Amino acid sequence: MVYLISHGHFINFVTFEMCPHKEGMHFGGPWVTNVDPLYVTSLFQGWEKDVCELIQVHQQPLDEKHLHSQCLL
């Protein structure tokens, strides 16, 4: 997802990596951490040119944890 901020001077974009093998694990780490830009680039090799360009110019990617839960109904 990409959207403009600061009247179009910057863009904000969101990517995600699914990790189904971590489902059900206890999470005890920090919710947000810095990520090596080369690692993020490696996750999206072979994607559309526009996506790869956005990821390559990103200066400080963050890893933000988002958890999900099962429906309780």
PDB file of N, CA and C in Angstrom:
ATOM      1  N   MET A   1       0.854  -1.153   0.000  1.00  0.00           N
ATOM      2  CA  MET A   1       0.000   0.000   0.000  1.00  0.00           C
ATOM      3  C   MET A   1       0.908   1.225   0.000  1.00  0.00           C
ATOM      4  N   VAL A   2       0.597   2.191  -0.828  1.00  0.00           N
ATOM      5  CA  VAL A   2       1.388   3.412  -0.939  1.00  0.00           C
ATOM      6  C   VAL A   2       0.450   4.607  -0.851  1.00  0.00           C
ATOM      7  N   TYR A   3       0.832   5.623  -0.075  1.00  0.00           N
ATOM      8  CA  TYR A   3       0.057   6.853  -0.072  1.00  0.00           C
ATOM      9  C   TYR A   3       0.987   8.037   0.181  1.00  0.00           C
ATOM     10  N   LEU A   4       0.594   9.183  -0.359  1.00  0.00           N
ATOM     11  CA  LEU A   4       1.393  10.404  -0.255  1.00  0.00           C
ATOM     12  C   LEU A   4       1.167  11.073   1.096  1.00  0.00           C
ATOM     13  N   ILE A   5       2.242  11.668   1.637  1.00  0.00           N
ATOM     14  CA  ILE A   5       2.133  12.469   2.848  1.00  0.00           C
ATOM     15  C   ILE A   5       2.897  13.767   2.619  1.00  0.00           C
ATOM     16  N   SER A   6       2.692  14.755   3.471  1.00  0.00           N
ATOM     17  CA  SER A   6       3.351  16.069   3.361  1.00  0.00           C
ATOM     18  C   SER A   6       3.147  16.688   1.978  1.00  0.00           C
ATOM     19  N   HIS A   7       1.900  16.683   1.523  1.00  0.00           N
ATOM     20  CA  HIS A   7       1.530  17.281   0.238  1.00  0.00           C
ATOM     21  C   HIS A   7       2.304  16.668  -0.927  1.00  0.00           C
ATOM     22  N   GLY A   8       2.579  15.379  -0.842  1.00  0.00           N
ATOM     23  CA  GLY A   8       3.254  14.690  -1.933  1.00  0.00           C
ATOM     24  C   GLY A   8       4.768  14.741  -1.911  1.00  0.00           C
ATOM     25  N   HIS A   9       5.347  15.351  -0.895  1.00  0.00           N
ATOM     26  CA  HIS A   9       6.806  15.414  -0.798  1.00  0.00           C
ATOM     27  C   HIS A   9       7.399  14.079  -0.374  1.00  0.00           C
ATOM     28  N   PHE A  10       6.606  13.279   0.319  1.00  0.00           N
ATOM     29  CA  PHE A  10       7.046  11.965   0.784  1.00  0.00           C
ATOM     30  C   PHE A  10       5.971  10.939   0.441  1.00  0.00           C
ATOM     31  N   ILE A  11       6.382   9.698   0.394  1.00  0.00           N
ATOM     32  CA  ILE A  11       5.408   8.626   0.282  1.00  0.00           C
ATOM     33  C   ILE A  11       5.586   7.694   1.464  1.00  0.00           C
ATOM     34  N   ASN A  12       4.521   7.083   1.854  1.00  0.00           N
ATOM     35  CA  ASN A  12       4.546   6.091   2.916  1.00  0.00           C
ATOM     36  C   ASN A  12       4.065   4.794   2.276  1.00  0.00           C
ATOM     37  N   PHE A  13       4.792   3.717   2.486  1.00  0.00           N
ATOM     38  CA  PHE A  13       4.324   2.454   1.944  1.00  0.00           C
ATOM     39  C   PHE A  13       4.496   1.346   2.968  1.00  0.00           C
ATOM     40  N   VAL A  14       3.636   0.351   2.828  1.00  0.00           N
ATOM     41  CA  VAL A  14       3.584  -0.755   3.779  1.00  0.00           C
ATOM     42  C   VAL A  14       3.761  -2.052   3.014  1.00  0.00           C
ATOM     43  N   THR A  15       4.624  -2.907   3.532  1.00  0.00           N
ATOM     44  CA  THR A  15       4.788  -4.258   2.992  1.00  0.00           C
ATOM     45  C   THR A  15       4.634  -5.221   4.158  1.00  0.00           C
ATOM     46  N   PHE A  16       4.446  -6.484   3.857  1.00  0.00           N
ATOM     47  CA  PHE A  16       4.417  -7.442   4.939  1.00  0.00           C
ATOM     48  C   PHE A  16       4.993  -8.768   4.487  1.00  0.00           C
ATOM     49  N   GLU A  17       5.506  -9.491   5.458  1.00  0.00           N
ATOM     50  CA  GLU A  17       6.060 -10.821   5.239  1.00  0.00           C
ATOM     51  C   GLU A  17       5.272 -11.774   6.120  1.00  0.00           C
ATOM     52  N   MET A  18       4.670 -12.780   5.510  1.00  0.00           N
ATOM     53  CA  MET A  18       3.922 -13.770   6.287  1.00  0.00           C
ATOM     54  C   MET A  18       4.894 -14.806   6.843  1.00  0.00           C
ATOM     55  N   CYS A  19       4.691 -15.187   8.080  1.00  0.00           N
ATOM     56  CA  CYS A  19       5.530 -16.189   8.756  1.00  0.00           C
ATOM     57  C   CYS A  19       4.623 -17.229   9.418  1.00  0.00           C
ATOM     58  N   PRO A  20       3.958 -18.075   8.640  1.00  0.00           N
ATOM     59  CA  PRO A  20       3.026 -19.032   9.246  1.00  0.00           C
ATOM     60  C   PRO A  20       3.698 -20.011  10.210  1.00  0.00           C
ATOM     61  N   HIS A  21       4.995 -20.235  10.043  1.00  0.00           N
ATOM     62  CA  HIS A  21       5.697 -21.149  10.949  1.00  0.00           C
ATOM     63  C   HIS A  21       5.817 -20.579  12.372  1.00  0.00           C
ATOM     64  N   LYS A  22       5.556 -19.288  12.528  1.00  0.00           N
ATOM     65  CA  LYS A  22       5.623 -18.667  13.853  1.00  0.00           C
ATOM     66  C   LYS A  22       4.262 -18.616  14.550  1.00  0.00           C
ATOM     67  N   GLU A  23       3.238 -19.120  13.883  1.00  0.00           N
ATOM     68  CA  GLU A  23       1.905 -19.081  14.462  1.00  0.00           C
ATOM     69  C   GLU A  23       1.865 -19.886  15.761  1.00  0.00           C
ATOM     70  N   GLY A  24       1.264 -19.307  16.776  1.00  0.00           N
ATOM     71  CA  GLY A  24       1.130 -19.959  18.069  1.00  0.00           C
ATOM     72  C   GLY A  24       2.324 -19.788  18.990  1.00  0.00           C
ATOM     73  N   MET A  25       3.390 -19.147  18.511  1.00  0.00           N
ATOM     74  CA  MET A  25       4.571 -18.936  19.341  1.00  0.00           C
ATOM     75  C   MET A  25       4.349 -17.771  20.306  1.00  0.00           C
ATOM     76  N   HIS A  26       4.999 -17.822  21.438  1.00  0.00           N
ATOM     77  CA  HIS A  26       4.978 -16.709  22.391  1.00  0.00           C
ATOM     78  C   HIS A  26       5.857 -15.594  21.834  1.00  0.00           C
ATOM     79  N   PHE A  27       5.342 -14.366  21.878  1.00  0.00           N
ATOM     80  CA  PHE A  27       6.124 -13.228  21.405  1.00  0.00           C
ATOM     81  C   PHE A  27       6.611 -12.443  22.604  1.00  0.00           C
ATOM     82  N   GLY A  28       7.924 -12.307  22.744  1.00  0.00           N
ATOM     83  CA  GLY A  28       8.474 -11.604  23.884  1.00  0.00           C
ATOM     84  C   GLY A  28       9.419 -10.487  23.510  1.00  0.00           C
ATOM     85  N   GLY A  29       9.492 -10.151  22.226  1.00  0.00           N
ATOM     86  CA  GLY A  29      10.443  -9.139  21.782  1.00  0.00           C
ATOM     87  C   GLY A  29       9.834  -7.762  21.673  1.00  0.00           C
ATOM     88  N   PRO A  30      10.587  -6.797  21.174  1.00  0.00           N
ATOM     89  CA  PRO A  30      10.053  -5.445  20.962  1.00  0.00           C
ATOM     90  C   PRO A  30       9.056  -5.429  19.806  1.00  0.00           C
ATOM     91  N   TRP A  31       8.078  -4.532  19.882  1.00  0.00           N
ATOM     92  CA  TRP A  31       7.039  -4.449  18.850  1.00  0.00           C
ATOM     93  C   TRP A  31       7.544  -3.800  17.567  1.00  0.00           C
ATOM     94  N   VAL A  32       8.511  -2.907  17.659  1.00  0.00           N
ATOM     95  CA  VAL A  32       9.042  -2.224  16.479  1.00  0.00           C
ATOM     96  C   VAL A  32      10.567  -2.250  16.555  1.00  0.00           C
ATOM     97  N   THR A  33      11.207  -2.658  15.455  1.00  0.00           N
ATOM     98  CA  THR A  33      12.666  -2.687  15.391  1.00  0.00           C
ATOM     99  C   THR A  33      13.120  -2.188  14.023  1.00  0.00           C
ATOM    100  N   ASN A  34      14.354  -1.713  13.937  1.00  0.00           N
ATOM    101  CA  ASN A  34      14.947  -1.354  12.654  1.00  0.00           C
ATOM    102  C   ASN A  34      15.303  -2.629  11.910  1.00  0.00           C
ATOM    103  N   VAL A  35      15.261  -2.560  10.586  1.00  0.00           N
ATOM    104  CA  VAL A  35      15.557  -3.713   9.752  1.00  0.00           C
ATOM    105  C   VAL A  35      16.625  -3.335   8.740  1.00  0.00           C
ATOM    106  N   ASP A  36      17.501  -4.252   8.431  1.00  0.00           N
ATOM    107  CA  ASP A  36      18.518  -4.037   7.404  1.00  0.00           C
ATOM    108  C   ASP A  36      17.817  -3.862   6.053  1.00  0.00           C
ATOM    109  N   PRO A  37      18.038  -2.732   5.368  1.00  0.00           N
ATOM    110  CA  PRO A  37      17.389  -2.507   4.071  1.00  0.00           C
ATOM    111  C   PRO A  37      17.681  -3.622   3.059  1.00  0.00           C
ATOM    112  N   LEU A  38      18.857  -4.229   3.116  1.00  0.00           N
ATOM    113  CA  LEU A  38      19.174  -5.314   2.188  1.00  0.00           C
ATOM    114  C   LEU A  38      18.286  -6.536   2.417  1.00  0.00           C
ATOM    115  N   TYR A  39      17.918  -6.777   3.670  1.00  0.00           N
ATOM    116  CA  TYR A  39      17.010  -7.886   3.972  1.00  0.00           C
ATOM    117  C   TYR A  39      15.643  -7.636   3.338  1.00  0.00           C
ATOM    118  N   VAL A  40      15.124  -6.418   3.500  1.00  0.00           N
ATOM    119  CA  VAL A  40      13.820  -6.079   2.932  1.00  0.00           C
ATOM    120  C   VAL A  40      13.875  -6.193   1.406  1.00  0.00           C
ATOM    121  N   THR A  41      14.945  -5.683   0.806  1.00  0.00           N
ATOM    122  CA  THR A  41      15.108  -5.778  -0.650  1.00  0.00           C
ATOM    123  C   THR A  41      15.089  -7.231  -1.107  1.00  0.00           C
ATOM    124  N   SER A  42      15.737  -8.113  -0.349  1.00  0.00           N
ATOM    125  CA  SER A  42      15.805  -9.527  -0.738  1.00  0.00           C
ATOM    126  C   SER A  42      14.431 -10.194  -0.719  1.00  0.00           C
ATOM    127  N   LEU A  43      13.528  -9.730   0.132  1.00  0.00           N
ATOM    128  CA  LEU A  43      12.189 -10.318   0.211  1.00  0.00           C
ATOM    129  C   LEU A  43      11.361 -10.050  -1.034  1.00  0.00           C
ATOM    130  N   PHE A  44      11.676  -8.980  -1.759  1.00  0.00           N
ATOM    131  CA  PHE A  44      10.836  -8.567  -2.881  1.00  0.00           C
ATOM    132  C   PHE A  44      11.565  -8.622  -4.226  1.00  0.00           C
ATOM    133  N   GLN A  45      12.632  -9.389  -4.326  1.00  0.00           N
ATOM    134  CA  GLN A  45      13.323  -9.554  -5.608  1.00  0.00           C
ATOM    135  C   GLN A  45      12.366 -10.194  -6.607  1.00  0.00           C
ATOM    136  N   GLY A  46      12.361  -9.670  -7.818  1.00  0.00           N
ATOM    137  CA  GLY A  46      11.514 -10.228  -8.861  1.00  0.00           C
ATOM    138  C   GLY A  46      10.114  -9.633  -8.916  1.00  0.00           C
ATOM    139  N   TRP A  47       9.784  -8.751  -7.994  1.00  0.00           N
ATOM    140  CA  TRP A  47       8.473  -8.105  -8.021  1.00  0.00           C
ATOM    141  C   TRP A  47       8.468  -7.019  -9.094  1.00  0.00           C
ATOM    142  N   GLU A  48       7.334  -6.342  -9.247  1.00  0.00           N
ATOM    143  CA  GLU A  48       7.208  -5.280 -10.234  1.00  0.00           C
ATOM    144  C   GLU A  48       8.293  -4.224 -10.013  1.00  0.00           C
ATOM    145  N   LYS A  49       8.704  -3.598 -11.116  1.00  0.00           N
ATOM    146  CA  LYS A  49       9.781  -2.608 -11.072  1.00  0.00           C
ATOM    147  C   LYS A  49       9.480  -1.487 -10.078  1.00  0.00           C
ATOM    148  N   ASP A  50       8.245  -0.986 -10.060  1.00  0.00           N
ATOM    149  CA  ASP A  50       7.883   0.110  -9.164  1.00  0.00           C
ATOM    150  C   ASP A  50       8.041  -0.288  -7.697  1.00  0.00           C
ATOM    151  N   VAL A  51       7.655  -1.501  -7.367  1.00  0.00           N
ATOM    152  CA  VAL A  51       7.782  -1.982  -5.983  1.00  0.00           C
ATOM    153  C   VAL A  51       9.253  -2.057  -5.598  1.00  0.00           C
ATOM    154  N   CYS A  52      10.067  -2.639  -6.448  1.00  0.00           N
ATOM    155  CA  CYS A  52      11.502  -2.775  -6.158  1.00  0.00           C
ATOM    156  C   CYS A  52      12.175  -1.414  -5.993  1.00  0.00           C
ATOM    157  N   GLU A  53      11.783  -0.447  -6.818  1.00  0.00           N
ATOM    158  CA  GLU A  53      12.365   0.896  -6.702  1.00  0.00           C
ATOM    159  C   GLU A  53      12.011   1.544  -5.371  1.00  0.00           C
ATOM    160  N   LEU A  54      10.758   1.403  -4.940  1.00  0.00           N
ATOM    161  CA  LEU A  54      10.357   1.971  -3.651  1.00  0.00           C
ATOM    162  C   LEU A  54      11.152   1.355  -2.509  1.00  0.00           C
ATOM    163  N   ILE A  55      11.319   0.066  -2.552  1.00  0.00           N
ATOM    164  CA  ILE A  55      12.032  -0.623  -1.480  1.00  0.00           C
ATOM    165  C   ILE A  55      13.515  -0.255  -1.485  1.00  0.00           C
ATOM    166  N   GLN A  56      14.110  -0.112  -2.660  1.00  0.00           N
ATOM    167  CA  GLN A  56      15.536   0.204  -2.746  1.00  0.00           C
ATOM    168  C   GLN A  56      15.864   1.602  -2.239  1.00  0.00           C
ATOM    169  N   VAL A  57      14.954   2.553  -2.375  1.00  0.00           N
ATOM    170  CA  VAL A  57      15.244   3.915  -1.939  1.00  0.00           C
ATOM    171  C   VAL A  57      14.843   4.161  -0.490  1.00  0.00           C
ATOM    172  N   HIS A  58      14.176   3.209   0.125  1.00  0.00           N
ATOM    173  CA  HIS A  58      13.769   3.378   1.527  1.00  0.00           C
ATOM    174  C   HIS A  58      15.007   3.427   2.404  1.00  0.00           C
ATOM    175  N   GLN A  59      15.097   4.441   3.236  1.00  0.00           N
ATOM    176  CA  GLN A  59      16.313   4.673   4.003  1.00  0.00           C
ATOM    177  C   GLN A  59      16.346   3.950   5.342  1.00  0.00           C
ATOM    178  N   GLN A  60      15.234   3.821   6.017  1.00  0.00           N
ATOM    179  CA  GLN A  60      15.235   3.197   7.334  1.00  0.00           C
ATOM    180  C   GLN A  60      13.954   2.378   7.529  1.00  0.00           C
ATOM    181  N   PRO A  61      13.929   1.154   6.981  1.00  0.00           N
ATOM    182  CA  PRO A  61      12.722   0.341   7.156  1.00  0.00           C
ATOM    183  C   PRO A  61      12.575  -0.126   8.601  1.00  0.00           C
ATOM    184  N   LEU A  62      11.324  -0.260   9.017  1.00  0.00           N
ATOM    185  CA  LEU A  62      11.009  -0.727  10.357  1.00  0.00           C
ATOM    186  C   LEU A  62      10.254  -2.049  10.275  1.00  0.00           C
ATOM    187  N   ASP A  63      10.472  -2.894  11.242  1.00  0.00           N
ATOM    188  CA  ASP A  63       9.720  -4.129  11.385  1.00  0.00           C
ATOM    189  C   ASP A  63       8.744  -3.906  12.525  1.00  0.00           C
ATOM    190  N   GLU A  64       7.480  -3.824  12.188  1.00  0.00           N
ATOM    191  CA  GLU A  64       6.445  -3.591  13.195  1.00  0.00           C
ATOM    192  C   GLU A  64       5.583  -4.839  13.286  1.00  0.00           C
ATOM    193  N   LYS A  65       5.495  -5.406  14.472  1.00  0.00           N
ATOM    194  CA  LYS A  65       4.764  -6.657  14.655  1.00  0.00           C
ATOM    195  C   LYS A  65       3.267  -6.384  14.693  1.00  0.00           C
ATOM    196  N   HIS A  66       2.529  -7.186  13.960  1.00  0.00           N
ATOM    197  CA  HIS A  66       1.069  -7.145  13.984  1.00  0.00           C
ATOM    198  C   HIS A  66       0.596  -8.564  14.251  1.00  0.00           C
ATOM    199  N   LEU A  67      -0.118  -8.719  15.320  1.00  0.00           N
ATOM    200  CA  LEU A  67      -0.586 -10.027  15.707  1.00  0.00           C
ATOM    201  C   LEU A  67      -2.048 -10.198  15.340  1.00  0.00           C
ATOM    202  N   HIS A  68      -2.457 -11.432  15.189  1.00  0.00           N
ATOM    203  CA  HIS A  68      -3.867 -11.707  14.945  1.00  0.00           C
ATOM    204  C   HIS A  68      -4.314 -12.766  15.938  1.00  0.00           C
ATOM    205  N   SER A  69      -5.600 -12.818  16.172  1.00  0.00           N
ATOM    206  CA  SER A  69      -6.147 -13.816  17.089  1.00  0.00           C
ATOM    207  C   SER A  69      -7.306 -14.519  16.415  1.00  0.00           C
ATOM    208  N   GLN A  70      -7.606 -15.684  16.925  1.00  0.00           N
ATOM    209  CA  GLN A  70      -8.730 -16.436  16.391  1.00  0.00           C
ATOM    210  C   GLN A  70     -10.040 -15.841  16.914  1.00  0.00           C
ATOM    211  N   CYS A  71     -11.080 -16.012  16.148  1.00  0.00           N
ATOM    212  CA  CYS A  71     -12.401 -15.549  16.557  1.00  0.00           C
ATOM    213  C   CYS A  71     -12.834 -16.299  17.810  1.00  0.00           C
ATOM    214  N   LEU A  72     -13.377 -15.593  18.765  1.00  0.00           N
ATOM    215  CA  LEU A  72     -13.797 -16.212  20.014  1.00  0.00           C
ATOM    216  C   LEU A  72     -15.246 -16.663  19.997  1.00  0.00           C
ATOM    217  N   LEU A  73     -15.936 -16.460  18.892  1.00  0.00           N
ATOM    218  CA  LEU A  73     -17.346 -16.854  18.805  1.00  0.00           C
ATOM    219  C   LEU A  73     -17.493 -18.307  18.489  1.00  0.00           C
TER     220      LEU A  73
END
